Each structure stands twice: as structure tokens, then as C-alpha cells.
Amino acid sequence: MANYFAMFLVAMTAITGVIWAIDAWLFAPKRKAMALEERKAILGDNTITELAGEDADPYLPALVDNAKQFFPIFALVMVFRSFLYEPFQIPSGSMMPTLLVGDFILVEKFSYGIKDPIFRTKLIETGEPKRGDVAVFKFPKDPNIDFIKRIIGLPGDKIVYRNKQLYITEACDVQQPCPTEKAVKQIFSGRTDYISRGVYLEEYTEDLGNKQHSLLRNPRAIDATARYEPVQPGTAINEWIVPAESYFAMGDNRDNSEDGRYWGFIPEANLVGEAVLIWVSFEFDRVPEDLVPTWVPSGIRFERSGSIN
């Protein structure tokens, strides 16, 4: 389950905090008073009013001692991971060339609102996804799985994907003239070294208006329209109208990505955050016959560290 670790952090923060608080309120004063009386008796000095350091509480239980030490750690990690940044590992090639298998990224959790770490109820509005954002979200078909894709369509947009070309009709504001369908500009960059099904993939630069990014296309792949999400009323098989409080996302590896074309839209409540940084990137080129396990990195791609476009 995707939020097991969040539940663990919340639970351990609460448990250690409660143990520490109850001891400080009920038991620590009694132990310290007993230790002070014992020290007065040993030294024969009734003028001592306070002990310092370990002498002040020599009978501190190990459970309480551990709780005092671990509470700040659990609390700090919980706050950082739940409300600020969370690390993720890229497990597939659906976002190539932007993200590769072995990339470790940071996701900015407060980009799309501050949410509680367990039930994911939005507590504070901080922003909304922008077209072109690389977003992490709970997979609509199984919220226990985290997905990462690029936001293509905003609420009210009409998205068309035809012959590997993306078309967008932006949401119509009744106060202004409705926009017309626009082909998203794609500039051919050349053939790459990436191979899929025996074919070298081609790289394009796509311009979504406020953000440019690279994408891959397989020149021989045929759009799998038969697997596209069931047709909405009034649309064709390769058209999608984004509902309110929802988003449409696609992978940058267009012919090798299970994205919104196949399962629909991302509810706003499923958003986790925006992927903003690759902090380290490992190569995993080992084969099962190697003596070293395949999960052990074979190298580090230092040149990939940096912000995500």
C-alpha cells in the first residue's frame, strides 16, 4: 500500500510523543524529586535544590529515553516527507527521455495543496497543476500505486491525439471567445540510441505553451486506439474532454506509456505533487548471470542530476 510508510511515520511520531509527554507530566517529576532527596542524604547537604544532566533523572526508563530520542527524528521526517518533499524512484521507461529507470527524484508535496498524510484531505490551498508539469499521483484504477506522467489537459480542455500529434482546445471561458483547436508544436530533434521493439526511437521537442520538453516516438508503432478509454458522449475514439477537478496526463515515451489514453483522468484528490529534481541517477545494467545481484547499481549517471523540465 502506497501510504504504509506515511502511516508508520504518523504512528511512531504519535507513540513516541505520547510516551514522552505522559512521562514528563506524571512520572519524571517524581523520579527527579526522589533522586534529589537521595543525593541530599548521601552528601548530607540539604541546601541542594537542583540536579543537572543525568544526575537529575538517573532512573529514566529505557522506553522513555528511546522515545525522547526518536520523537524529534520521526516528527522531522514526517513533516518533511508529508508536507515538503518526498523521494521516489523511477521504475519504468514511460517518461523517457525526461526520466530514466534508476532516476531518484524529489516530489514537491506542497505544489498542489497541503494534505494530511493519511486520508489525503486538502488542508491548505497552495496551487494547481500547470500544463506541462511532471506530476506524481495515485493511479485512479488503484490508489495504492503511485504513477508519474506529464499534465497535458486541464479541467475543461479538449484533448485530441491523432497520428502521434497532440491537439488541444483550451477550456472555454463564457466571458471570452472560445479558442479553436491547436496542434501542439513538435520539432524533430533526430533519431536516438533508445530502441523499442527493434526500432530506434525518434526524439521531438514539444511546446506546451509555458513549458518545452523532449518526447520519444516510435515511427513504426501504430496508435493502440482499440485500448483507449471508452468514448465520452460527443467525442471520437481519440478525443477526451477533461472533467471539472480532473486532469489528463500522458507519458513522454508516447508509444510506450500506460497513461490517460488508456485509463482516463486524474481526479484532483489523487495528486501527490510535482516532480522537481533528480537528486541521483543509477544505472542497472546487470544480468541475472552476474555474481552481483541485479538490484545493485552498476554505475552513477552524474550528468542527470538537476531540475526536471
Protein backbone atom coordinates (compact mmCIF):
# COMPACT_ATOMS: atom_id res chain seq x y z
CA MET A 1 0.00 0.00 0.00
CA ALA A 2 1.44 3.31 -1.12
CA ASN A 3 0.88 5.16 2.16
CA TYR A 4 2.11 2.45 4.55
CA PHE A 5 5.25 4.42 5.29
CA ALA A 6 3.27 7.60 5.93
CA MET A 7 1.04 5.68 8.35
CA PHE A 8 4.12 4.24 10.05
CA LEU A 9 5.67 7.70 10.50
CA VAL A 10 2.47 9.19 11.89
CA ALA A 11 2.01 6.26 14.27
CA MET A 12 5.60 6.31 15.54
CA THR A 13 5.56 10.09 15.95
CA ALA A 14 2.34 9.85 17.95
CA ILE A 15 3.50 6.90 20.09
CA THR A 16 6.90 8.34 20.98
CA GLY A 17 5.41 11.79 21.55
CA VAL A 18 2.71 10.46 23.88
CA ILE A 19 5.19 8.36 25.87
CA TRP A 20 7.48 11.36 26.29
CA ALA A 21 4.62 13.73 27.20
CA ILE A 22 2.99 11.38 29.76
CA ASP A 23 6.33 10.69 31.42
CA ALA A 24 7.23 14.39 31.57
CA TRP A 25 3.86 15.21 33.11
CA LEU A 26 3.32 12.33 35.56
CA PHE A 27 6.46 10.34 36.30
CA ALA A 28 9.57 12.43 35.62
CA PRO A 29 8.86 14.97 38.44
CA LYS A 30 8.54 12.15 40.98
CA ARG A 31 11.77 10.46 39.84
CA LYS A 32 13.67 13.74 39.91
CA ALA A 33 12.38 14.55 43.39
CA MET A 34 13.44 11.09 44.63
CA ALA A 35 16.88 11.49 43.04
CA LEU A 36 17.30 14.89 44.71
CA GLU A 37 16.39 13.50 48.13
CA GLU A 38 18.81 10.61 47.69
CA ARG A 39 21.63 12.99 46.75
CA LYS A 40 20.91 15.18 49.79
CA ALA A 41 21.04 12.11 52.04
CA ILE A 42 24.29 10.85 50.52
CA LEU A 43 26.04 14.23 50.74
CA GLY A 44 24.37 15.32 53.95
CA ASP A 45 23.61 18.65 52.33
CA ASN A 46 20.04 19.90 52.49
CA THR A 47 20.91 23.09 50.61
CA ILE A 48 20.95 21.29 47.22
CA THR A 49 17.88 22.40 45.28
CA GLU A 50 18.50 21.05 41.79
CA LEU A 51 20.47 18.37 39.95
CA ALA A 52 21.74 18.67 36.40
CA GLY A 53 22.32 16.28 33.50
CA GLU A 54 21.93 12.56 34.06
CA ASP A 55 22.07 13.07 37.81
CA ALA A 56 18.70 14.84 37.66
CA ASP A 57 16.92 11.68 36.42
CA PRO A 58 19.18 8.64 36.99
CA TYR A 59 16.24 6.19 36.90
CA LEU A 60 14.95 7.25 33.46
CA PRO A 61 13.35 4.12 31.90
CA ALA A 62 14.88 2.91 28.64
CA LEU A 63 11.48 3.10 26.93
CA VAL A 64 11.11 6.78 27.79
CA ASP A 65 14.75 7.50 26.94
CA ASN A 66 14.27 5.97 23.47
CA ALA A 67 11.01 7.84 22.96
CA LYS A 68 12.71 11.16 23.79
CA GLN A 69 15.47 10.46 21.29
CA PHE A 70 13.35 9.13 18.44
CA PHE A 71 10.38 11.52 18.66
CA PRO A 72 12.22 14.50 17.06
CA ILE A 73 13.56 12.24 14.30
CA PHE A 74 10.15 10.73 13.45
CA ALA A 75 8.49 14.15 13.63
CA LEU A 76 11.06 15.80 11.38
CA VAL A 77 10.91 13.02 8.76
CA MET A 78 7.11 13.00 8.86
CA VAL A 79 6.85 16.75 8.32
CA PHE A 80 9.48 16.77 5.55
CA ARG A 81 8.04 13.77 3.71
CA SER A 82 4.35 14.57 4.17
CA PHE A 83 4.30 18.30 3.54
CA LEU A 84 7.54 19.30 1.81
CA TYR A 85 9.40 16.75 -0.34
CA GLU A 86 9.13 13.01 -0.87
CA PRO A 87 11.68 10.84 -2.71
CA PHE A 88 10.57 8.48 -5.48
CA GLN A 89 12.37 6.03 -7.75
CA ILE A 90 11.50 5.80 -11.44
CA PRO A 91 10.62 2.13 -12.15
CA SER A 92 9.80 2.24 -15.88
CA GLY A 93 10.66 3.96 -19.13
CA SER A 94 7.27 5.59 -19.75
CA MET A 95 8.70 9.09 -19.12
CA MET A 96 11.84 8.72 -21.26
CA PRO A 97 13.85 10.75 -22.16
CA THR A 98 12.84 13.10 -19.32
CA LEU A 99 13.14 10.40 -16.66
CA LEU A 100 15.01 7.11 -16.93
CA VAL A 101 14.80 3.88 -14.98
CA GLY A 102 17.09 4.37 -12.00
CA ASP A 103 16.43 8.08 -11.57
CA PHE A 104 15.72 9.06 -7.97
CA ILE A 105 13.60 12.18 -7.82
CA LEU A 106 12.18 14.61 -5.30
CA VAL A 107 8.49 15.45 -5.46
CA GLU A 108 7.35 18.79 -4.09
CA LYS A 109 4.36 17.84 -1.95
CA PHE A 110 3.04 21.37 -1.37
CA SER A 111 2.78 22.29 -5.06
CA TYR A 112 -0.85 21.21 -5.34
CA GLY A 113 -2.06 21.82 -1.81
CA ILE A 114 -1.03 20.71 1.66
CA LYS A 115 -2.79 17.44 2.57
CA ASP A 116 -2.88 15.29 5.66
CA PRO A 117 -0.57 12.27 5.20
CA ILE A 118 -3.15 9.55 5.92
CA PHE A 119 -6.53 10.46 4.43
CA ARG A 120 -5.07 12.98 1.95
CA THR A 121 -7.65 15.62 2.79
CA LYS A 122 -6.54 19.02 1.50
CA LEU A 123 -5.82 21.33 4.40
CA ILE A 124 -4.43 24.40 2.64
CA GLU A 125 -4.70 25.53 -0.99
CA THR A 126 -1.25 26.30 -2.38
CA GLY A 127 -1.59 25.89 -6.15
CA GLU A 128 -2.87 23.83 -9.06
CA PRO A 129 -1.17 21.77 -11.78
CA LYS A 130 0.00 23.67 -14.86
CA ARG A 131 0.10 22.28 -18.35
CA GLY A 132 3.48 20.62 -18.79
CA ASP A 133 4.07 19.76 -15.13
CA VAL A 134 5.54 16.34 -14.39
CA ALA A 135 3.21 15.14 -11.66
CA VAL A 136 3.08 12.18 -9.28
CA PHE A 137 -0.41 10.93 -8.46
CA LYS A 138 -2.33 7.98 -7.10
CA PHE A 139 -3.32 5.73 -10.00
CA PRO A 140 -7.09 6.22 -10.47
CA LYS A 141 -7.67 2.49 -11.04
CA ASP A 142 -5.69 1.53 -7.93
CA PRO A 143 -4.89 4.37 -5.48
CA ASN A 144 -2.33 2.14 -3.75
CA ILE A 145 0.01 2.65 -6.74
CA ASP A 146 1.92 5.87 -7.48
CA PHE A 147 2.16 6.97 -11.12
CA ILE A 148 4.20 9.75 -12.74
CA LYS A 149 3.18 11.42 -16.01
CA ARG A 150 3.09 14.85 -17.66
CA ILE A 151 -0.01 17.00 -17.27
CA ILE A 152 -1.43 17.65 -20.75
CA GLY A 153 -5.04 18.63 -20.18
CA LEU A 154 -6.56 20.94 -17.57
CA PRO A 155 -10.22 20.97 -16.46
CA GLY A 156 -12.48 21.79 -19.40
CA ASP A 157 -9.82 21.18 -22.08
CA LYS A 158 -10.49 19.02 -25.11
CA ILE A 159 -7.54 16.76 -25.96
CA VAL A 160 -7.08 15.03 -29.30
CA TYR A 161 -4.26 12.59 -30.09
CA ARG A 162 -4.22 11.72 -33.77
CA ASN A 163 -1.37 10.19 -35.82
CA LYS A 164 1.10 10.88 -32.97
CA GLN A 165 0.16 14.57 -32.99
CA LEU A 166 -1.36 16.24 -29.96
CA TYR A 167 -4.15 18.81 -30.34
CA ILE A 168 -5.56 20.93 -27.50
CA THR A 169 -8.66 23.08 -27.32
CA GLU A 170 -8.36 25.01 -24.10
CA ALA A 171 -11.31 25.34 -21.73
CA CYS A 172 -13.81 27.91 -22.95
CA ASP A 173 -14.46 30.93 -20.74
CA VAL A 174 -18.03 32.12 -21.31
CA GLN A 175 -16.82 35.71 -20.86
CA GLN A 176 -14.43 35.42 -23.82
CA PRO A 177 -14.49 33.96 -27.34
CA CYS A 178 -13.92 30.20 -27.27
CA PRO A 179 -10.47 29.16 -28.53
CA THR A 180 -10.05 26.90 -31.54
CA GLU A 181 -8.25 23.58 -31.68
CA LYS A 182 -4.46 23.99 -31.83
CA ALA A 183 -1.83 21.49 -32.83
CA VAL A 184 0.87 21.34 -30.18
CA LYS A 185 4.16 22.32 -31.81
CA GLN A 186 6.61 19.45 -32.17
CA ILE A 187 10.13 19.88 -33.57
CA PHE A 188 12.04 16.82 -34.74
CA SER A 189 15.39 16.53 -32.93
CA GLY A 190 16.70 13.36 -34.55
CA ARG A 191 16.99 9.62 -34.08
CA THR A 192 18.11 8.47 -30.65
CA ASP A 193 20.01 5.47 -29.30
CA TYR A 194 16.89 4.27 -27.49
CA ILE A 195 15.45 1.10 -29.02
CA SER A 196 11.92 -0.25 -28.64
CA ARG A 197 10.80 -3.45 -30.38
CA GLY A 198 13.86 -3.33 -32.57
CA VAL A 199 13.24 0.24 -33.74
CA TYR A 200 15.32 3.31 -32.92
CA LEU A 201 13.08 5.92 -31.29
CA GLU A 202 12.87 9.48 -32.57
CA GLU A 203 13.13 12.50 -30.29
CA TYR A 204 10.97 15.59 -30.59
CA THR A 205 10.76 18.84 -28.65
CA GLU A 206 7.17 19.57 -27.70
CA ASP A 207 5.98 23.06 -26.80
CA LEU A 208 3.00 23.12 -24.44
CA GLY A 209 2.94 26.92 -24.28
CA ASN A 210 4.62 27.59 -20.96
CA LYS A 211 6.98 24.63 -20.99
CA GLN A 212 9.09 22.80 -23.56
CA HIS A 213 10.13 19.20 -23.08
CA SER A 214 11.51 16.25 -25.02
CA LEU A 215 9.47 13.23 -26.02
CA LEU A 216 10.10 9.96 -27.84
CA ARG A 217 8.11 8.47 -30.70
CA ASN A 218 8.35 5.10 -32.37
CA PRO A 219 7.99 5.83 -36.10
CA ARG A 220 6.67 2.32 -36.77
CA ALA A 221 4.27 1.99 -33.85
CA ILE A 222 0.55 2.25 -34.57
CA ASP A 223 -1.63 4.10 -32.06
CA ALA A 224 -3.40 1.48 -29.92
CA THR A 225 -6.80 3.15 -30.26
CA ALA A 226 -8.61 -0.11 -29.53
CA ARG A 227 -7.33 0.11 -25.96
CA TYR A 228 -8.20 3.76 -25.42
CA GLU A 229 -10.55 4.73 -22.61
CA PRO A 230 -14.22 4.26 -23.62
CA VAL A 231 -15.54 7.12 -25.72
CA GLN A 232 -17.23 10.02 -23.92
CA PRO A 233 -20.58 11.23 -25.33
CA GLY A 234 -19.99 13.55 -28.27
CA THR A 235 -16.32 12.63 -28.77
CA ALA A 236 -14.36 10.37 -31.10
CA ILE A 237 -12.22 7.41 -30.00
CA ASN A 238 -9.08 9.57 -29.74
CA GLU A 239 -10.67 12.61 -28.06
CA TRP A 240 -11.04 13.41 -24.37
CA ILE A 241 -12.86 16.28 -22.63
CA VAL A 242 -11.32 16.79 -19.20
CA PRO A 243 -13.97 16.91 -16.43
CA ALA A 244 -14.01 19.52 -13.67
CA GLU A 245 -11.47 18.96 -10.89
CA SER A 246 -9.63 16.45 -13.07
CA TYR A 247 -6.54 16.34 -15.29
CA PHE A 248 -5.36 14.43 -18.37
CA ALA A 249 -1.78 13.11 -18.41
CA MET A 250 0.50 11.35 -20.86
CA GLY A 251 3.98 9.85 -20.75
CA ASP A 252 6.85 11.41 -22.69
CA ASN A 253 7.63 8.00 -24.21
CA ARG A 254 4.43 8.28 -26.22
CA ASP A 255 4.31 4.80 -27.75
CA ASN A 256 5.31 3.02 -24.53
CA SER A 257 3.25 4.64 -21.80
CA GLU A 258 0.14 3.46 -19.98
CA ASP A 259 -1.39 6.89 -19.48
CA GLY A 260 -4.67 8.79 -19.64
CA ARG A 261 -5.41 7.49 -23.13
CA TYR A 262 -5.97 4.05 -21.61
CA TRP A 263 -7.43 4.73 -18.17
CA GLY A 264 -8.92 8.22 -18.26
CA PHE A 265 -8.49 11.21 -15.98
CA ILE A 266 -6.70 12.04 -12.73
CA PRO A 267 -9.06 13.32 -10.01
CA GLU A 268 -7.65 16.36 -8.24
CA ALA A 269 -7.77 14.43 -4.96
CA ASN A 270 -5.28 11.88 -6.36
CA LEU A 271 -2.49 14.40 -6.94
CA VAL A 272 0.61 13.87 -4.79
CA GLY A 273 2.92 16.64 -6.02
CA GLU A 274 5.17 17.96 -8.75
CA ALA A 275 8.42 16.19 -9.66
CA VAL A 276 11.05 18.92 -9.48
CA LEU A 277 14.50 17.37 -9.10
CA ILE A 278 16.63 14.34 -10.00
CA TRP A 279 18.93 14.03 -7.00
CA VAL A 280 20.77 10.90 -8.14
CA SER A 281 20.57 8.53 -11.10
CA PHE A 282 21.80 4.92 -11.05
CA GLU A 283 22.45 2.56 -13.93
CA PHE A 284 21.22 -1.02 -13.61
CA ASP A 285 22.89 -2.90 -16.43
CA ARG A 286 23.44 -6.22 -14.67
CA VAL A 287 22.03 -9.52 -15.91
CA PRO A 288 20.87 -12.48 -13.78
CA GLU A 289 24.06 -14.40 -14.65
CA ASP A 290 26.26 -11.79 -12.90
CA LEU A 291 27.65 -12.60 -9.46
CA VAL A 292 26.35 -9.26 -8.15
CA PRO A 293 22.53 -9.02 -7.68
CA THR A 294 20.69 -7.13 -10.43
CA TRP A 295 19.31 -4.61 -7.90
CA VAL A 296 22.85 -3.39 -7.12
CA PRO A 297 23.66 -0.29 -9.28
CA SER A 298 26.29 -0.76 -11.95
CA GLY A 299 27.10 2.96 -12.18
CA ILE A 300 26.03 6.52 -11.45
CA ARG A 301 24.85 8.95 -14.12
CA PHE A 302 26.16 12.17 -12.57
CA GLU A 303 25.15 14.27 -15.58
CA ARG A 304 21.45 13.61 -14.94
CA SER A 305 21.28 15.32 -11.54
CA GLY A 306 19.33 18.55 -11.65
CA SER A 307 15.88 20.05 -12.20
CA ILE A 308 13.18 18.29 -14.22
CA ASN A 309 11.75 20.02 -17.32
